[in-house]
Amino acid sequence: MAKRISGLAVTDVASLETHIDKVRGKARSWTLSAPDVRRIADLAEQRLEQMFVATTHRRGACVTARSAGPASTAYKYSVIGAEVVLRRAKDGWRMTDYSCCNVYPCTAERIRIEITPAQAEKSFDTMRRRLRVTVRSLVDSDFAAAA
C-alpha cells in the first residue's frame, strides 16, 4: 500500500489562506499568499513536464520555495519572508509545510524541485523515447572494433 501524502491541497484556497494567516501573523509584504502557493505549484508542474517526468510518475516530488526579499537596497537588515514545502500527491500538489524565515534585500524567489532516483531514471527513459535517442554501448559500436 502506498504511503498517503497529507497536507492541504493547493486548490483549496480558503484552507490555505486560513493556515497561512495563522503562521505569518501580521507579516504580509514579503510572505507567500495562497495564490503564490498555487503559482509555485503550477510552475513546478511545468518544470516536471520540461524534465520529461510523466504525470503518472510525479507522485512524491517535492518543491521548496522561499519568497523574494525587498528589491530596494534601502533595507539594511532582513525582513520576514516565507518558505513553503509542496509535495506532489496522486490528486495534485499539497502544501505540507509553511514557515516564516528571514529574507534579505535584493534576493530573488528561490524554487527547488527534488525528485527520487526512480523518477529521474524514468524521466531519462521518457526523454529518450520522445526525442528518439538510442543509447549504444561501446561494445556494440564500431569504435570497439577499431580499438
Protein backbone atom coordinates (compact mmCIF):
# COMPACT_ATOMS: atom_id res chain seq x y z
CA MET A 1 0.00 0.00 0.00
CA ALA A 2 1.37 3.40 -0.97
CA LYS A 3 2.08 5.99 1.68
CA ARG A 4 -0.59 8.72 1.78
CA ILE A 5 0.69 12.27 1.45
CA SER A 6 -1.03 14.58 3.91
CA GLY A 7 -1.27 18.33 3.67
CA LEU A 8 -3.56 20.97 2.27
CA ALA A 9 -4.49 20.79 -1.40
CA VAL A 10 -3.27 23.90 -3.24
CA THR A 11 -6.66 24.09 -4.97
CA ASP A 12 -8.39 24.65 -1.60
CA VAL A 13 -7.71 28.40 -1.38
CA ALA A 14 -9.82 29.01 1.73
CA SER A 15 -7.97 26.39 3.81
CA LEU A 16 -4.61 27.62 2.53
CA GLU A 17 -5.40 31.23 3.44
CA THR A 18 -6.57 30.22 6.93
CA HIS A 19 -3.42 28.22 7.61
CA ILE A 20 -1.08 30.82 6.10
CA ASP A 21 -2.69 33.67 8.07
CA LYS A 22 -2.11 31.79 11.34
CA VAL A 23 1.56 31.24 10.55
CA ARG A 24 2.59 34.60 9.15
CA GLY A 25 0.70 36.81 11.59
CA LYS A 26 0.91 40.48 10.57
CA ALA A 27 3.71 39.97 8.04
CA ARG A 28 2.31 40.43 4.53
CA SER A 29 4.75 42.21 2.26
CA TRP A 30 7.37 39.51 1.57
CA THR A 31 5.48 36.38 2.52
CA LEU A 32 3.74 33.95 0.18
CA SER A 33 -0.05 34.07 -0.16
CA ALA A 34 -2.39 31.28 -1.30
CA PRO A 35 -2.28 32.48 -4.96
CA ASP A 36 1.54 32.48 -4.71
CA VAL A 37 1.48 28.88 -3.47
CA ARG A 38 -0.79 27.94 -6.38
CA ARG A 39 1.57 29.72 -8.82
CA ILE A 40 4.54 27.80 -7.41
CA ALA A 41 2.66 24.51 -7.81
CA ASP A 42 1.84 25.37 -11.43
CA LEU A 43 5.46 26.32 -12.09
CA ALA A 44 6.66 23.07 -10.54
CA GLU A 45 4.26 21.12 -12.74
CA GLN A 46 5.67 22.90 -15.82
CA ARG A 47 9.24 22.16 -14.76
CA LEU A 48 8.45 18.48 -14.24
CA GLU A 49 6.95 18.43 -17.73
CA GLN A 50 10.12 20.03 -19.11
CA MET A 51 12.15 17.36 -17.29
CA PHE A 52 10.09 14.68 -19.10
CA VAL A 53 8.65 13.28 -15.85
CA ALA A 54 5.40 11.57 -16.85
CA THR A 55 2.26 12.55 -14.95
CA THR A 56 1.93 9.04 -13.58
CA HIS A 57 5.44 9.22 -12.06
CA ARG A 58 5.23 12.66 -10.42
CA ARG A 59 3.85 11.48 -7.09
CA GLY A 60 6.36 12.12 -4.30
CA ALA A 61 8.17 15.01 -5.98
CA CYS A 62 8.91 17.81 -3.54
CA VAL A 63 9.17 21.57 -4.07
CA THR A 64 10.67 24.02 -1.61
CA ALA A 65 10.17 27.71 -2.31
CA ARG A 66 11.38 30.80 -0.47
CA SER A 67 9.90 34.24 -1.02
CA ALA A 68 11.87 37.10 -2.53
CA GLY A 69 13.34 39.86 -0.42
CA PRO A 70 12.84 43.59 -0.87
CA ALA A 71 14.05 44.92 -4.20
CA SER A 72 15.28 48.15 -2.64
CA THR A 73 18.72 48.37 -1.10
CA ALA A 74 17.31 50.87 1.40
CA TYR A 75 16.65 47.88 3.66
CA LYS A 76 19.81 47.15 5.61
CA TYR A 77 18.53 44.12 7.51
CA SER A 78 16.46 41.05 6.82
CA VAL A 79 12.67 41.07 6.67
CA ILE A 80 10.16 38.34 7.45
CA GLY A 81 9.54 36.17 4.42
CA ALA A 82 8.13 32.69 3.97
CA GLU A 83 9.23 29.23 2.98
CA VAL A 84 6.74 26.69 1.69
CA VAL A 85 7.11 22.96 1.03
CA LEU A 86 4.82 21.30 -1.52
CA ARG A 87 4.62 17.60 -2.22
CA ARG A 88 3.03 16.02 -5.29
CA ALA A 89 0.25 13.60 -4.43
CA LYS A 90 -1.88 11.46 -6.69
CA ASP A 91 -4.58 14.15 -6.87
CA GLY A 92 -2.24 17.16 -7.27
CA TRP A 93 0.07 19.34 -5.20
CA ARG A 94 -0.31 19.60 -1.43
CA MET A 95 1.23 22.11 0.94
CA THR A 96 2.95 20.13 3.69
CA ASP A 97 4.77 22.98 5.45
CA TYR A 98 4.65 26.77 5.63
CA SER A 99 7.02 28.70 7.84
CA CYS A 100 8.36 32.19 8.30
CA CYS A 101 12.02 32.87 7.62
CA ASN A 102 14.38 35.78 7.15
CA VAL A 103 14.87 37.06 3.62
CA TYR A 104 17.43 39.65 2.68
CA PRO A 105 17.27 42.65 0.33
CA CYS A 106 17.79 42.00 -3.39
CA THR A 107 17.36 38.24 -3.13
CA ALA A 108 15.19 36.55 -5.74
CA GLU A 109 12.50 33.99 -5.09
CA ARG A 110 14.01 30.51 -4.90
CA ILE A 111 12.27 27.36 -6.05
CA ARG A 112 13.97 23.97 -5.69
CA ILE A 113 12.50 20.72 -7.02
CA GLU A 114 13.55 17.34 -5.65
CA ILE A 115 12.73 14.06 -7.36
CA THR A 116 13.60 10.50 -6.43
CA PRO A 117 16.27 8.49 -8.28
CA ALA A 118 13.49 6.31 -9.73
CA GLN A 119 11.73 9.41 -11.08
CA ALA A 120 15.00 10.65 -12.58
CA GLU A 121 15.56 7.30 -14.31
CA LYS A 122 12.01 7.22 -15.70
CA SER A 123 12.43 10.85 -16.79
CA PHE A 124 15.56 9.94 -18.73
CA ASP A 125 13.79 6.96 -20.34
CA THR A 126 10.84 9.15 -21.36
CA MET A 127 13.19 11.79 -22.79
CA ARG A 128 14.98 9.15 -24.86
CA ARG A 129 11.69 7.83 -26.24
CA ARG A 130 10.26 11.27 -27.08
CA LEU A 131 13.45 12.50 -28.72
CA ARG A 132 14.13 9.11 -30.34
CA VAL A 133 17.60 8.77 -28.87
CA THR A 134 19.25 5.36 -28.77
CA VAL A 135 21.98 4.64 -26.26
CA ARG A 136 24.62 2.26 -27.58
CA SER A 137 27.31 0.65 -25.53
CA LEU A 138 30.89 0.80 -26.77
CA VAL A 139 30.96 -2.99 -27.05
CA ASP A 140 28.29 -2.90 -29.77
CA SER A 141 29.87 0.05 -31.50
CA ASP A 142 32.28 0.25 -34.39
CA PHE A 143 34.62 2.09 -32.03
CA ALA A 144 35.24 -1.12 -30.07
CA ALA A 145 36.19 -2.93 -33.27
CA ALA A 146 38.69 -0.23 -34.19
CA ALA A 147 40.42 -0.40 -30.81
